[in-house]
Every structure is written in C-alpha cells, then in structure tokens.
Amino acid sequence: MTRDDIETLIARSALGDRAAFSALYVETSAKLFGICLRVLHDRAEAEEAAQEAYVKIWRYADRYRANGLSPMTWLITIARNTAIDRARKRREAQPGLDAAEAMVDATPGPEAQAISASEQGRLSACLGELDAGHSDAVRRAYLDGETYAELAARAGVPLNTMRTRLRRSLIKLKECLTR
C-alpha cells in the first residue's frame, strides 16, 4: 500500500467511513502492534495499547494533515505515545521495582522486524550520522519510552541540555531522511 493510499484511508476515516478505517487497520495493525510490543514488552498490554491507539486514530483522523510527512509517521507516533503512556502508568503503579527489573531490553523486537528493510536501513544510516551518545538517547527516548529526566540522569547532564540534544538530533534525523 502506498503513502497516498494510506492518506486516502485516513481522510475517508475522518469522514466516518468504517470500511476505510477497517482497511487502514488491516494495512497498519501489524506495524503499530509491533511498536506497542517493543515499548511494553507484554503482549496483552501491547494489544490493549494498540486498540487504544486505533480508537485515537478514529477520533482524531480529521486532525491529520498531509504536509509532506509520511502518514505512517503520524500513525506510529500515536501508537508509540499510547504505549509509552501505559508504560509510565505501569511504572508509577509499581514503585518498588529495583533497577534490574526496570531496565529496558535493547534486543530487536517485533517492531524492528515489522519495519521494511529500506526504511530500517535509511533510519539506521541516519542514526549512525549522530554522535553515539545522541543516537543512544534518541533510541531510548523514542523506542524504549524513557523520559527526558531519566535520560538526563543517565548522561549526567541537566534536563534542558538533554531536551536540546534530542531536539537537535531529531532535526538532523529529519534532514537526513529527507535527502
């Protein structure tokens, strides 16, 4: 399915077209579920997060604007943010976890397998252009769901410095990916 096809399905979903939304789900659910599973590391919770993400996509489809960015980026952002919110709530509900239990598994998960080889290759190449520490921070923040405060503490830098590093890194990634 092409980018234009996905944009069309999102636009038709915004108009309440259930068939278009169903087709959008069929085309994107494996990738979005993989992202949720990568963040949450629990199949049942990832299924709930993916379902919640699709409810948000249905509700907010009218907010998507085709502006040169990939519609998959919009969908992935919704799924990722939904999963991160669930992970944060889970951490808050379990304050007694020791550091070993709270560590994130860095092995490639289903999300990495779901991304097409060309997209993964381009993203990896662009991440490789960043400093190793910046690349690691981007991965931890946007794939593993770590907070800016956690990243700042890990790197031993002030919170605003970490925010600035991540923002600059994302700008560099965007420039690289649009080349």
N, C-alpha and C. Protein backbone atom coordinates (compact mmCIF):
# COMPACT_ATOMS: atom_id res chain seq x y z
N MET A 1 0.85 -1.17 0.00
CA MET A 1 0.00 0.00 0.00
C MET A 1 0.90 1.23 0.00
N THR A 2 0.57 2.19 -0.84
CA THR A 2 1.39 3.39 -0.96
C THR A 2 1.03 4.42 0.10
N ARG A 3 1.89 5.39 0.19
CA ARG A 3 1.68 6.51 1.12
C ARG A 3 0.37 7.23 0.81
N ASP A 4 0.11 7.46 -0.49
CA ASP A 4 -1.13 8.13 -0.89
C ASP A 4 -2.36 7.31 -0.52
N ASP A 5 -2.25 5.98 -0.64
CA ASP A 5 -3.37 5.11 -0.26
C ASP A 5 -3.68 5.26 1.22
N ILE A 6 -2.64 5.28 2.04
CA ILE A 6 -2.84 5.41 3.49
C ILE A 6 -3.43 6.77 3.82
N GLU A 7 -2.94 7.83 3.16
CA GLU A 7 -3.51 9.16 3.38
C GLU A 7 -4.99 9.19 3.00
N THR A 8 -5.33 8.53 1.93
CA THR A 8 -6.73 8.47 1.49
C THR A 8 -7.58 7.75 2.53
N LEU A 9 -7.07 6.64 3.05
CA LEU A 9 -7.81 5.90 4.08
C LEU A 9 -8.01 6.74 5.35
N ILE A 10 -6.99 7.49 5.72
CA ILE A 10 -7.11 8.36 6.90
C ILE A 10 -8.17 9.44 6.63
N ALA A 11 -8.12 10.02 5.45
CA ALA A 11 -9.09 11.08 5.10
C ALA A 11 -10.51 10.53 5.08
N ARG A 12 -10.70 9.34 4.52
CA ARG A 12 -12.03 8.73 4.49
C ARG A 12 -12.49 8.35 5.90
N SER A 13 -11.54 7.92 6.75
CA SER A 13 -11.88 7.60 8.14
C SER A 13 -12.34 8.85 8.87
N ALA A 14 -11.72 9.98 8.57
CA ALA A 14 -12.10 11.25 9.19
C ALA A 14 -13.54 11.61 8.87
N LEU A 15 -14.03 11.11 7.75
CA LEU A 15 -15.42 11.37 7.34
C LEU A 15 -16.38 10.31 7.88
N GLY A 16 -15.85 9.39 8.69
CA GLY A 16 -16.69 8.36 9.30
C GLY A 16 -16.83 7.10 8.48
N ASP A 17 -16.00 6.91 7.48
CA ASP A 17 -16.06 5.73 6.61
C ASP A 17 -15.45 4.53 7.34
N ARG A 18 -16.32 3.65 7.84
CA ARG A 18 -15.87 2.48 8.60
C ARG A 18 -15.09 1.49 7.74
N ALA A 19 -15.46 1.37 6.49
CA ALA A 19 -14.76 0.45 5.59
C ALA A 19 -13.32 0.92 5.37
N ALA A 20 -13.14 2.23 5.24
CA ALA A 20 -11.79 2.79 5.07
C ALA A 20 -10.98 2.58 6.33
N PHE A 21 -11.60 2.77 7.48
CA PHE A 21 -10.90 2.57 8.74
C PHE A 21 -10.50 1.10 8.90
N SER A 22 -11.39 0.21 8.51
CA SER A 22 -11.10 -1.22 8.57
C SER A 22 -9.91 -1.56 7.66
N ALA A 23 -9.90 -0.99 6.48
CA ALA A 23 -8.78 -1.22 5.55
C ALA A 23 -7.48 -0.63 6.12
N LEU A 24 -7.57 0.53 6.74
CA LEU A 24 -6.40 1.14 7.37
C LEU A 24 -5.86 0.23 8.47
N TYR A 25 -6.76 -0.32 9.25
CA TYR A 25 -6.37 -1.25 10.32
C TYR A 25 -5.66 -2.47 9.74
N VAL A 26 -6.23 -3.06 8.71
CA VAL A 26 -5.64 -4.26 8.09
C VAL A 26 -4.22 -3.96 7.59
N GLU A 27 -4.03 -2.79 7.00
CA GLU A 27 -2.74 -2.45 6.40
C GLU A 27 -1.68 -2.04 7.42
N THR A 28 -2.10 -1.54 8.59
CA THR A 28 -1.11 -0.96 9.51
C THR A 28 -1.03 -1.62 10.87
N SER A 29 -1.95 -2.50 11.19
CA SER A 29 -2.03 -3.03 12.56
C SER A 29 -0.80 -3.82 12.97
N ALA A 30 -0.18 -4.58 12.07
CA ALA A 30 1.00 -5.37 12.45
C ALA A 30 2.14 -4.45 12.89
N LYS A 31 2.35 -3.39 12.15
CA LYS A 31 3.44 -2.47 12.48
C LYS A 31 3.16 -1.74 13.79
N LEU A 32 1.94 -1.25 13.96
CA LEU A 32 1.61 -0.49 15.17
C LEU A 32 1.61 -1.40 16.40
N PHE A 33 1.12 -2.64 16.25
CA PHE A 33 1.18 -3.58 17.36
C PHE A 33 2.63 -3.88 17.72
N GLY A 34 3.48 -4.05 16.73
CA GLY A 34 4.91 -4.30 16.97
C GLY A 34 5.56 -3.17 17.76
N ILE A 35 5.18 -1.96 17.46
CA ILE A 35 5.73 -0.81 18.17
C ILE A 35 5.26 -0.83 19.62
N CYS A 36 3.99 -1.09 19.83
CA CYS A 36 3.46 -1.16 21.20
C CYS A 36 4.15 -2.29 21.98
N LEU A 37 4.35 -3.42 21.33
CA LEU A 37 5.00 -4.55 22.00
C LEU A 37 6.45 -4.22 22.33
N ARG A 38 7.12 -3.51 21.45
CA ARG A 38 8.52 -3.13 21.69
C ARG A 38 8.63 -2.23 22.93
N VAL A 39 7.69 -1.34 23.11
CA VAL A 39 7.72 -0.42 24.25
C VAL A 39 7.29 -1.12 25.53
N LEU A 40 6.26 -1.95 25.45
CA LEU A 40 5.64 -2.51 26.66
C LEU A 40 6.18 -3.87 27.08
N HIS A 41 6.73 -4.64 26.15
CA HIS A 41 7.29 -5.97 26.45
C HIS A 41 6.26 -6.92 27.05
N ASP A 42 5.00 -6.73 26.77
CA ASP A 42 3.93 -7.59 27.28
C ASP A 42 2.85 -7.65 26.22
N ARG A 43 2.58 -8.84 25.71
CA ARG A 43 1.67 -9.00 24.58
C ARG A 43 0.26 -8.49 24.88
N ALA A 44 -0.29 -8.87 26.02
CA ALA A 44 -1.65 -8.45 26.35
C ALA A 44 -1.74 -6.93 26.49
N GLU A 45 -0.77 -6.35 27.15
CA GLU A 45 -0.78 -4.89 27.32
C GLU A 45 -0.56 -4.19 25.98
N ALA A 46 0.28 -4.77 25.12
CA ALA A 46 0.52 -4.19 23.80
C ALA A 46 -0.76 -4.25 22.95
N GLU A 47 -1.51 -5.33 23.07
CA GLU A 47 -2.78 -5.43 22.35
C GLU A 47 -3.75 -4.34 22.80
N GLU A 48 -3.81 -4.10 24.11
CA GLU A 48 -4.69 -3.05 24.63
C GLU A 48 -4.22 -1.67 24.16
N ALA A 49 -2.91 -1.46 24.17
CA ALA A 49 -2.37 -0.17 23.73
C ALA A 49 -2.65 0.05 22.25
N ALA A 50 -2.50 -0.99 21.44
CA ALA A 50 -2.78 -0.86 20.01
C ALA A 50 -4.26 -0.55 19.79
N GLN A 51 -5.13 -1.22 20.53
CA GLN A 51 -6.56 -0.95 20.41
C GLN A 51 -6.86 0.50 20.80
N GLU A 52 -6.26 0.94 21.88
CA GLU A 52 -6.45 2.33 22.32
C GLU A 52 -5.93 3.31 21.26
N ALA A 53 -4.81 2.96 20.63
CA ALA A 53 -4.24 3.82 19.58
C ALA A 53 -5.21 3.93 18.40
N TYR A 54 -5.83 2.81 18.02
CA TYR A 54 -6.78 2.87 16.90
C TYR A 54 -8.04 3.65 17.25
N VAL A 55 -8.44 3.63 18.51
CA VAL A 55 -9.57 4.47 18.93
C VAL A 55 -9.18 5.94 18.74
N LYS A 56 -7.96 6.28 19.13
CA LYS A 56 -7.48 7.66 18.96
C LYS A 56 -7.39 8.02 17.48
N ILE A 57 -6.90 7.10 16.67
CA ILE A 57 -6.79 7.37 15.23
C ILE A 57 -8.17 7.63 14.65
N TRP A 58 -9.16 6.83 15.04
CA TRP A 58 -10.55 7.04 14.56
C TRP A 58 -11.07 8.40 14.98
N ARG A 59 -10.84 8.73 16.27
CA ARG A 59 -11.35 10.01 16.79
C ARG A 59 -10.68 11.22 16.17
N TYR A 60 -9.36 11.11 15.94
CA TYR A 60 -8.59 12.27 15.52
C TYR A 60 -8.13 12.22 14.07
N ALA A 61 -8.72 11.36 13.27
CA ALA A 61 -8.32 11.26 11.86
C ALA A 61 -8.46 12.60 11.14
N ASP A 62 -9.42 13.41 11.57
CA ASP A 62 -9.61 14.71 10.93
C ASP A 62 -8.47 15.68 11.24
N ARG A 63 -7.63 15.36 12.19
CA ARG A 63 -6.51 16.23 12.54
C ARG A 63 -5.27 15.94 11.72
N TYR A 64 -5.25 14.82 11.00
CA TYR A 64 -4.10 14.50 10.16
C TYR A 64 -4.08 15.44 8.97
N ARG A 65 -2.92 16.00 8.72
CA ARG A 65 -2.75 16.87 7.57
C ARG A 65 -1.59 16.35 6.73
N ALA A 66 -1.85 16.11 5.47
CA ALA A 66 -0.79 15.67 4.54
C ALA A 66 0.08 16.88 4.26
N ASN A 67 1.26 16.89 4.87
CA ASN A 67 2.15 18.06 4.72
C ASN A 67 3.55 17.62 4.30
N GLY A 68 3.62 16.55 3.56
CA GLY A 68 4.92 16.07 3.12
C GLY A 68 5.50 15.01 4.03
N LEU A 69 4.93 14.87 5.23
CA LEU A 69 5.41 13.85 6.15
C LEU A 69 4.64 12.56 5.89
N SER A 70 5.24 11.46 6.22
CA SER A 70 4.62 10.17 6.00
C SER A 70 3.40 9.98 6.89
N PRO A 71 2.30 9.46 6.34
CA PRO A 71 1.14 9.18 7.19
C PRO A 71 1.47 8.09 8.22
N MET A 72 2.39 7.20 7.87
CA MET A 72 2.80 6.16 8.82
C MET A 72 3.48 6.80 10.03
N THR A 73 4.19 7.89 9.83
CA THR A 73 4.83 8.57 10.95
C THR A 73 3.76 9.05 11.93
N TRP A 74 2.68 9.59 11.42
CA TRP A 74 1.57 10.05 12.27
C TRP A 74 0.97 8.88 13.03
N LEU A 75 0.69 7.79 12.34
CA LEU A 75 0.10 6.61 12.97
C LEU A 75 1.06 6.01 14.01
N ILE A 76 2.33 5.90 13.67
CA ILE A 76 3.33 5.33 14.57
C ILE A 76 3.47 6.20 15.82
N THR A 77 3.44 7.51 15.64
CA THR A 77 3.56 8.42 16.78
C THR A 77 2.40 8.22 17.76
N ILE A 78 1.20 8.06 17.24
CA ILE A 78 0.04 7.83 18.11
C ILE A 78 0.22 6.52 18.87
N ALA A 79 0.60 5.46 18.18
CA ALA A 79 0.76 4.15 18.83
C ALA A 79 1.89 4.19 19.85
N ARG A 80 3.01 4.78 19.48
CA ARG A 80 4.16 4.85 20.37
C ARG A 80 3.83 5.65 21.62
N ASN A 81 3.21 6.81 21.45
CA ASN A 81 2.87 7.64 22.60
C ASN A 81 1.85 6.94 23.52
N THR A 82 0.91 6.22 22.93
CA THR A 82 -0.06 5.48 23.72
C THR A 82 0.65 4.41 24.55
N ALA A 83 1.56 3.69 23.92
CA ALA A 83 2.31 2.64 24.63
C ALA A 83 3.20 3.23 25.72
N ILE A 84 3.84 4.35 25.43
CA ILE A 84 4.71 5.00 26.43
C ILE A 84 3.87 5.45 27.62
N ASP A 85 2.70 6.02 27.37
CA ASP A 85 1.83 6.43 28.47
C ASP A 85 1.46 5.25 29.35
N ARG A 86 1.15 4.11 28.73
CA ARG A 86 0.82 2.90 29.50
C ARG A 86 2.04 2.42 30.30
N ALA A 87 3.21 2.48 29.70
CA ALA A 87 4.43 2.04 30.41
C ALA A 87 4.71 2.94 31.60
N ARG A 88 4.52 4.23 31.44
CA ARG A 88 4.74 5.16 32.55
C ARG A 88 3.74 4.92 33.68
N LYS A 89 2.48 4.69 33.32
CA LYS A 89 1.47 4.40 34.35
C LYS A 89 1.81 3.12 35.08
N ARG A 90 2.31 2.14 34.36
CA ARG A 90 2.70 0.87 34.97
C ARG A 90 3.85 1.08 35.96
N ARG A 91 4.82 1.89 35.55
CA ARG A 91 5.96 2.18 36.45
C ARG A 91 5.50 2.91 37.70
N GLU A 92 4.59 3.86 37.52
CA GLU A 92 4.08 4.61 38.67
C GLU A 92 3.29 3.71 39.61
N ALA A 93 2.60 2.72 39.05
CA ALA A 93 1.79 1.81 39.86
C ALA A 93 2.65 0.77 40.59
N GLN A 94 3.90 0.61 40.16
CA GLN A 94 4.80 -0.36 40.77
C GLN A 94 6.06 0.34 41.25
N PRO A 95 5.96 1.18 42.29
CA PRO A 95 7.12 1.96 42.72
C PRO A 95 8.25 1.12 43.31
N GLY A 96 8.01 -0.14 43.67
CA GLY A 96 9.02 -0.95 44.32
C GLY A 96 9.96 -1.67 43.38
N LEU A 97 9.85 -1.46 42.08
CA LEU A 97 10.75 -2.15 41.15
C LEU A 97 12.20 -1.73 41.39
N ASP A 98 13.09 -2.71 41.42
CA ASP A 98 14.50 -2.35 41.54
C ASP A 98 15.06 -2.05 40.15
N ALA A 99 16.25 -1.54 40.10
CA ALA A 99 16.83 -1.08 38.84
C ALA A 99 16.94 -2.21 37.81
N ALA A 100 17.23 -3.42 38.24
CA ALA A 100 17.37 -4.52 37.29
C ALA A 100 16.04 -4.82 36.59
N GLU A 101 14.92 -4.74 37.29
CA GLU A 101 13.63 -5.01 36.69
C GLU A 101 13.18 -3.88 35.77
N ALA A 102 13.62 -2.68 36.04
CA ALA A 102 13.18 -1.53 35.26
C ALA A 102 14.00 -1.33 33.99
N MET A 103 15.11 -2.06 33.84
CA MET A 103 15.95 -1.88 32.65
C MET A 103 15.22 -2.36 31.41
N VAL A 104 15.44 -1.67 30.32
CA VAL A 104 14.77 -1.99 29.07
C VAL A 104 15.65 -2.94 28.26
N ASP A 105 15.04 -3.95 27.69
CA ASP A 105 15.75 -4.90 26.85
C ASP A 105 16.07 -4.22 25.52
N ALA A 106 17.35 -4.19 25.15
CA ALA A 106 17.77 -3.50 23.94
C ALA A 106 17.80 -4.40 22.71
N THR A 107 17.40 -5.65 22.83
CA THR A 107 17.41 -6.54 21.67
C THR A 107 16.31 -6.16 20.71
N PRO A 108 16.52 -6.36 19.43
CA PRO A 108 15.49 -6.02 18.45
C PRO A 108 14.22 -6.82 18.68
N GLY A 109 13.10 -6.15 18.63
CA GLY A 109 11.82 -6.80 18.87
C GLY A 109 10.98 -6.84 17.61
N PRO A 110 9.70 -7.14 17.77
CA PRO A 110 8.81 -7.25 16.62
C PRO A 110 8.70 -5.95 15.81
N GLU A 111 8.80 -4.83 16.49
CA GLU A 111 8.72 -3.55 15.78
C GLU A 111 9.84 -3.43 14.78
N ALA A 112 11.06 -3.83 15.18
CA ALA A 112 12.21 -3.75 14.28
C ALA A 112 12.02 -4.69 13.09
N GLN A 113 11.38 -5.83 13.34
CA GLN A 113 11.14 -6.79 12.27
C GLN A 113 10.05 -6.31 11.33
N ALA A 114 9.10 -5.52 11.87
CA ALA A 114 7.98 -5.06 11.06
C ALA A 114 8.36 -3.93 10.11
N ILE A 115 9.39 -3.19 10.46
CA ILE A 115 9.81 -2.08 9.60
C ILE A 115 10.47 -2.64 8.35
N SER A 116 10.12 -2.11 7.23
CA SER A 116 10.69 -2.61 5.98
C SER A 116 12.19 -2.40 5.96
N ALA A 117 12.87 -3.25 5.20
CA ALA A 117 14.34 -3.22 5.17
C ALA A 117 14.86 -1.87 4.69
N SER A 118 14.21 -1.26 3.72
CA SER A 118 14.72 0.03 3.23
C SER A 118 14.54 1.13 4.25
N GLU A 119 13.38 1.17 4.92
CA GLU A 119 13.16 2.18 5.95
C GLU A 119 14.12 1.99 7.11
N GLN A 120 14.30 0.75 7.52
CA GLN A 120 15.19 0.46 8.63
C GLN A 120 16.63 0.85 8.27
N GLY A 121 17.02 0.52 7.04
CA GLY A 121 18.38 0.86 6.60
C GLY A 121 18.61 2.36 6.57
N ARG A 122 17.64 3.10 6.05
CA ARG A 122 17.77 4.56 5.99
C ARG A 122 17.85 5.16 7.39
N LEU A 123 16.98 4.70 8.28
CA LEU A 123 16.97 5.23 9.63
C LEU A 123 18.26 4.88 10.36
N SER A 124 18.73 3.66 10.19
CA SER A 124 19.98 3.25 10.83
C SER A 124 21.15 4.09 10.33
N ALA A 125 21.18 4.32 9.03
CA ALA A 125 22.25 5.13 8.46
C ALA A 125 22.21 6.55 9.02
N CYS A 126 21.02 7.11 9.14
CA CYS A 126 20.89 8.46 9.66
C CYS A 126 21.22 8.51 11.15
N LEU A 127 20.82 7.50 11.91
CA LEU A 127 21.20 7.46 13.33
C LEU A 127 22.71 7.33 13.47
N GLY A 128 23.33 6.63 12.52
CA GLY A 128 24.78 6.48 12.54
C GLY A 128 25.52 7.78 12.31
N GLU A 129 24.85 8.76 11.71
CA GLU A 129 25.47 10.06 11.49
C GLU A 129 25.51 10.91 12.77
N LEU A 130 24.72 10.53 13.77
CA LEU A 130 24.70 11.25 15.04
C LEU A 130 25.83 10.76 15.93
N ASP A 131 26.21 11.58 16.92
CA ASP A 131 27.15 11.12 17.95
C ASP A 131 26.54 9.89 18.61
N ALA A 132 27.39 8.98 19.06
CA ALA A 132 26.91 7.73 19.66
C ALA A 132 25.97 8.01 20.84
N GLY A 133 26.34 8.95 21.70
CA GLY A 133 25.51 9.27 22.86
C GLY A 133 24.16 9.85 22.46
N HIS A 134 24.15 10.68 21.42
CA HIS A 134 22.91 11.28 20.96
C HIS A 134 22.02 10.23 20.31
N SER A 135 22.63 9.35 19.52
CA SER A 135 21.89 8.27 18.88
C SER A 135 21.26 7.35 19.93
N ASP A 136 22.03 7.02 20.95
CA ASP A 136 21.52 6.17 22.03
C ASP A 136 20.36 6.86 22.76
N ALA A 137 20.48 8.15 23.02
CA ALA A 137 19.42 8.89 23.70
C ALA A 137 18.14 8.92 22.86
N VAL A 138 18.28 9.11 21.55
CA VAL A 138 17.11 9.11 20.67
C VAL A 138 16.43 7.75 20.71
N ARG A 139 17.22 6.68 20.63
CA ARG A 139 16.64 5.33 20.67
C ARG A 139 15.92 5.09 22.00
N ARG A 140 16.56 5.47 23.10
CA ARG A 140 15.96 5.23 24.42
C ARG A 140 14.68 6.06 24.61
N ALA A 141 14.68 7.29 24.11
CA ALA A 141 13.51 8.15 24.29
C ALA A 141 12.36 7.73 23.39
N TYR A 142 12.65 7.47 22.12
CA TYR A 142 11.58 7.29 21.16
C TYR A 142 11.27 5.84 20.82
N LEU A 143 12.10 4.92 21.21
CA LEU A 143 11.80 3.50 21.00
C LEU A 143 11.53 2.78 22.31
N ASP A 144 12.27 3.16 23.36
CA ASP A 144 12.13 2.44 24.63
C ASP A 144 11.27 3.19 25.64
N GLY A 145 10.92 4.44 25.35
CA GLY A 145 9.99 5.16 26.21
C GLY A 145 10.59 5.79 27.45
N GLU A 146 11.91 5.96 27.50
CA GLU A 146 12.50 6.61 28.67
C GLU A 146 12.15 8.10 28.67
N THR A 147 12.00 8.67 29.84
CA THR A 147 11.67 10.09 29.95
C THR A 147 12.93 10.93 29.77
N TYR A 148 12.73 12.20 29.49
CA TYR A 148 13.87 13.10 29.37
C TYR A 148 14.65 13.14 30.68
N ALA A 149 13.93 13.12 31.80
CA ALA A 149 14.59 13.16 33.11
C ALA A 149 15.47 11.93 33.31
N GLU A 150 14.98 10.76 32.91
CA GLU A 150 15.78 9.54 33.03
C GLU A 150 17.02 9.61 32.15
N LEU A 151 16.85 10.11 30.95
CA LEU A 151 17.99 10.23 30.03
C LEU A 151 19.02 11.23 30.55
N ALA A 152 18.54 12.35 31.10
CA ALA A 152 19.45 13.37 31.64
C ALA A 152 20.23 12.81 32.81
N ALA A 153 19.55 12.06 33.68
CA ALA A 153 20.24 11.47 34.83
C ALA A 153 21.27 10.45 34.36
N ARG A 154 20.92 9.65 33.37
CA ARG A 154 21.84 8.64 32.84
C ARG A 154 23.09 9.29 32.24
N ALA A 155 22.89 10.41 31.52
CA ALA A 155 24.01 11.09 30.87
C ALA A 155 24.73 12.06 31.81
N GLY A 156 24.13 12.34 32.95
CA GLY A 156 24.76 13.26 33.90
C GLY A 156 24.74 14.71 33.42
N VAL A 157 23.65 15.08 32.74
CA VAL A 157 23.53 16.45 32.24
C VAL A 157 22.21 17.04 32.73
N PRO A 158 22.08 18.37 32.72
CA PRO A 158 20.80 18.98 33.11
C PRO A 158 19.68 18.59 32.15
N LEU A 159 18.46 18.62 32.65
CA LEU A 159 17.29 18.22 31.88
C LEU A 159 17.17 19.03 30.58
N ASN A 160 17.34 20.34 30.65
CA ASN A 160 17.21 21.17 29.45
C ASN A 160 18.29 20.86 28.42
N THR A 161 19.47 20.47 28.88
CA THR A 161 20.53 20.07 27.96
C THR A 161 20.10 18.82 27.19
N MET A 162 19.50 17.87 27.90
CA MET A 162 19.04 16.64 27.24
C MET A 162 17.94 16.96 26.24
N ARG A 163 17.02 17.83 26.61
CA ARG A 163 15.95 18.22 25.69
C ARG A 163 16.53 18.84 24.42
N THR A 164 17.52 19.71 24.59
CA THR A 164 18.15 20.37 23.45
C THR A 164 18.87 19.34 22.57
N ARG A 165 19.59 18.40 23.19
CA ARG A 165 20.28 17.35 22.42
C ARG A 165 19.29 16.55 21.59
N LEU A 166 18.18 16.16 22.21
CA LEU A 166 17.20 15.35 21.50
C LEU A 166 16.56 16.15 20.37
N ARG A 167 16.22 17.40 20.63
CA ARG A 167 15.61 18.22 19.59
C ARG A 167 16.56 18.38 18.41
N ARG A 168 17.83 18.69 18.68
CA ARG A 168 18.82 18.85 17.61
C ARG A 168 19.04 17.54 16.87
N SER A 169 19.04 16.44 17.60
CA SER A 169 19.22 15.13 16.97
C SER A 169 18.05 14.82 16.04
N LEU A 170 16.83 15.14 16.47
CA LEU A 170 15.67 14.89 15.62
C LEU A 170 15.69 15.77 14.36
N ILE A 171 16.17 16.98 14.51
CA ILE A 171 16.30 17.86 13.34
C ILE A 171 17.29 17.27 12.35
N LYS A 172 18.43 16.77 12.86
CA LYS A 172 19.42 16.15 11.99
C LYS A 172 18.86 14.89 11.32
N LEU A 173 18.11 14.10 12.08
CA LEU A 173 17.50 12.89 11.51
C LEU A 173 16.52 13.25 10.40
N LYS A 174 15.70 14.28 10.64
CA LYS A 174 14.74 14.71 9.63
C LYS A 174 15.44 15.16 8.36
N GLU A 175 16.52 15.95 8.52
CA GLU A 175 17.28 16.40 7.37
C GLU A 175 17.86 15.22 6.60
N CYS A 176 18.40 14.26 7.35
CA CYS A 176 19.00 13.09 6.72
C CYS A 176 17.94 12.27 5.97
N LEU A 177 16.80 12.06 6.58
CA LEU A 177 15.76 11.22 5.99
C LEU A 177 15.09 11.88 4.78
N THR A 178 15.17 13.20 4.67
CA THR A 178 14.55 13.88 3.53
C THR A 178 15.53 14.04 2.36
N ARG A 179 16.77 13.63 2.54
CA ARG A 179 17.75 13.72 1.44
C ARG A 179 17.46 12.69 0.39
